[in-house]
Amino acid sequence: MIQVTINGRTHAVDVEPDTPLLWVLRDTLGLTGTKYGCGVAQCGACTVLIDGEATRSCQVPVESLGAARITTIEAIEQDPVGRKVVEAWVGQQVPQCGYCQSGQVMAATALLTQTPKPTDADIAAAMTNLCRCGTYNRIAEAVRHAAA
């Protein structure tokens, strides 16, 4: 059994130590808001916060987490910054298909937690998740709106 702390709760999971965190979240714990996109940490659909850092969970072995605190999209609105990001996402009507949006929200929350008043360059550097629908302008606008 491996202990993981997710959304403020500690879980004992019976998985292989090298199981990616993404699969522990989705398959073992039923937290399906974190999406599988590419499996190679390129697209960002699987982004979660690990100790506040935006991290692509598809490449993080569960054994490497130790006492880290993981936050997923299911709990992001419990964080004041995360709540502002979600409100901005809805207000700016960011999603089209919505598949990548949980990862986008997680990346934006990490950015605004670390840099409450980001420049456009900060936003461009932090928001590297891919969006097949091309909503990048609305994503950047929502980040600016949440920062205001």
Protein backbone atom coordinates (compact mmCIF):
# COMPACT_ATOMS: atom_id res chain seq x y z
CA MET A 1 0.00 0.00 0.00
CA ILE A 2 1.17 3.48 -0.88
CA GLN A 3 -0.12 6.54 0.99
CA VAL A 4 -1.08 9.60 -1.06
CA THR A 5 -2.69 12.84 0.07
CA ILE A 6 -5.17 14.08 -2.49
CA ASN A 7 -7.53 17.00 -2.00
CA GLY A 8 -6.81 17.02 1.74
CA ARG A 9 -7.53 13.32 2.29
CA THR A 10 -4.99 10.55 2.73
CA HIS A 11 -5.61 7.42 0.71
CA ALA A 12 -3.90 4.04 0.89
CA VAL A 13 -3.70 2.72 -2.65
CA ASP A 14 -2.77 -0.80 -3.65
CA VAL A 15 -0.90 -0.16 -6.91
CA GLU A 16 2.52 -0.85 -8.35
CA PRO A 17 5.02 1.79 -7.14
CA ASP A 18 5.72 2.98 -10.69
CA THR A 19 2.02 3.52 -11.51
CA PRO A 20 1.57 7.06 -12.85
CA LEU A 21 -0.37 9.37 -10.55
CA LEU A 22 -2.88 9.98 -13.37
CA TRP A 23 -4.00 6.34 -13.27
CA VAL A 24 -4.19 6.31 -9.48
CA LEU A 25 -6.46 9.35 -9.66
CA ARG A 26 -8.68 8.09 -12.45
CA ASP A 27 -8.75 4.31 -12.09
CA THR A 28 -8.09 3.70 -8.41
CA LEU A 29 -9.78 6.71 -6.79
CA GLY A 30 -12.39 7.57 -9.43
CA LEU A 31 -11.30 11.20 -9.74
CA THR A 32 -11.90 11.50 -13.47
CA GLY A 33 -11.69 15.28 -13.81
CA THR A 34 -7.97 14.93 -14.54
CA LYS A 35 -7.78 13.84 -18.18
CA TYR A 36 -5.48 11.59 -20.17
CA GLY A 37 -4.23 13.34 -23.28
CA CYS A 38 -0.89 12.21 -24.61
CA GLY A 39 0.79 10.16 -21.87
CA VAL A 40 4.16 11.85 -22.40
CA ALA A 41 3.70 15.08 -20.39
CA GLN A 42 3.38 17.25 -23.48
CA CYS A 43 -0.28 18.28 -23.71
CA GLY A 44 -1.08 19.16 -20.08
CA ALA A 45 -4.58 17.62 -19.94
CA CYS A 46 -3.42 15.67 -16.86
CA THR A 47 -2.13 18.69 -14.94
CA VAL A 48 -2.63 18.64 -11.17
CA LEU A 49 -1.02 20.65 -8.38
CA ILE A 50 1.67 18.88 -6.38
CA ASP A 51 2.55 21.05 -3.40
CA GLY A 52 1.16 23.97 -5.39
CA GLU A 53 3.21 23.34 -8.53
CA ALA A 54 1.47 22.58 -11.83
CA THR A 55 2.61 19.05 -12.67
CA ARG A 56 1.69 16.65 -15.46
CA SER A 57 0.48 13.61 -13.60
CA CYS A 58 0.90 11.11 -16.43
CA GLN A 59 4.66 10.96 -15.82
CA VAL A 60 4.75 11.05 -11.99
CA PRO A 61 5.23 7.62 -10.40
CA VAL A 62 3.03 7.37 -7.33
CA GLU A 63 5.97 6.10 -5.27
CA SER A 64 7.77 9.44 -5.78
CA LEU A 65 5.11 11.51 -4.05
CA GLY A 66 5.97 10.83 -0.42
CA ALA A 67 4.14 13.37 1.76
CA ALA A 68 3.32 15.71 -1.15
CA ARG A 69 -0.11 17.34 -1.22
CA ILE A 70 -1.93 16.76 -4.51
CA THR A 71 -4.83 18.96 -5.59
CA THR A 72 -7.06 17.98 -8.49
CA ILE A 73 -9.75 19.85 -10.38
CA GLU A 74 -12.37 18.27 -8.10
CA ALA A 75 -11.11 20.41 -5.17
CA ILE A 76 -9.72 23.49 -6.92
CA GLU A 77 -12.63 25.73 -5.96
CA GLN A 78 -11.80 25.17 -2.28
CA ASP A 79 -8.71 27.28 -2.96
CA PRO A 80 -9.53 31.02 -3.16
CA VAL A 81 -7.30 31.49 -6.22
CA GLY A 82 -8.72 28.38 -7.85
CA ARG A 83 -12.25 29.66 -7.26
CA LYS A 84 -11.38 32.96 -8.96
CA VAL A 85 -9.89 31.08 -11.91
CA VAL A 86 -13.00 28.91 -12.34
CA GLU A 87 -15.24 32.00 -12.13
CA ALA A 88 -13.10 33.73 -14.78
CA TRP A 89 -13.21 30.62 -17.00
CA VAL A 90 -17.01 30.59 -16.83
CA GLY A 91 -17.31 34.36 -17.18
CA GLN A 92 -15.02 34.49 -20.22
CA GLN A 93 -16.65 31.37 -21.72
CA VAL A 94 -13.27 29.78 -22.28
CA PRO A 95 -14.11 26.14 -23.06
CA GLN A 96 -15.25 24.86 -26.40
CA CYS A 97 -14.95 21.08 -26.20
CA GLY A 98 -13.66 21.41 -22.63
CA TYR A 99 -11.35 18.38 -22.65
CA CYS A 100 -8.18 20.28 -21.77
CA GLN A 101 -9.81 22.75 -19.44
CA SER A 102 -9.20 21.00 -16.11
CA GLY A 103 -5.47 21.04 -16.84
CA GLN A 104 -5.66 24.65 -18.02
CA VAL A 105 -7.43 25.70 -14.80
CA MET A 106 -4.81 23.93 -12.71
CA ALA A 107 -1.96 25.63 -14.58
CA ALA A 108 -3.63 29.03 -14.25
CA THR A 109 -4.19 28.51 -10.53
CA ALA A 110 -0.53 27.65 -9.99
CA LEU A 111 0.52 30.71 -12.00
CA LEU A 112 -1.71 33.13 -10.10
CA THR A 113 -0.74 31.66 -6.74
CA GLN A 114 2.93 32.24 -7.52
CA THR A 115 2.50 35.45 -9.55
CA PRO A 116 -0.71 37.25 -8.56
CA LYS A 117 -0.27 40.00 -11.18
CA PRO A 118 1.27 38.23 -14.19
CA THR A 119 2.41 39.98 -17.30
CA ASP A 120 1.43 38.68 -20.72
CA ALA A 121 4.89 37.10 -20.90
CA ASP A 122 4.29 35.35 -17.55
CA ILE A 123 0.98 34.01 -18.84
CA ALA A 124 2.53 32.79 -22.08
CA ALA A 125 5.36 31.07 -20.18
CA ALA A 126 3.07 29.33 -17.69
CA MET A 127 0.13 28.40 -19.90
CA THR A 128 1.82 25.80 -22.08
CA ASN A 129 -1.00 23.24 -22.06
CA LEU A 130 -2.33 22.40 -25.51
CA CYS A 131 -5.89 23.22 -26.60
CA ARG A 132 -7.12 21.55 -29.78
CA CYS A 133 -9.94 24.09 -30.03
CA GLY A 134 -7.45 26.97 -30.01
CA THR A 135 -8.98 28.95 -27.16
CA TYR A 136 -5.61 30.45 -26.21
CA ASN A 137 -6.80 34.06 -26.46
CA ARG A 138 -9.75 33.36 -24.16
CA ILE A 139 -7.51 31.41 -21.79
CA ALA A 140 -5.11 34.37 -21.51
CA GLU A 141 -8.05 36.76 -21.06
CA ALA A 142 -9.49 34.60 -18.28
CA VAL A 143 -6.12 34.53 -16.51
CA ARG A 144 -5.91 38.34 -16.74
CA HIS A 145 -9.50 38.60 -15.49
CA ALA A 146 -8.81 36.30 -12.51
CA ALA A 147 -5.73 38.37 -11.66
CA ALA A 148 -7.66 41.66 -11.67
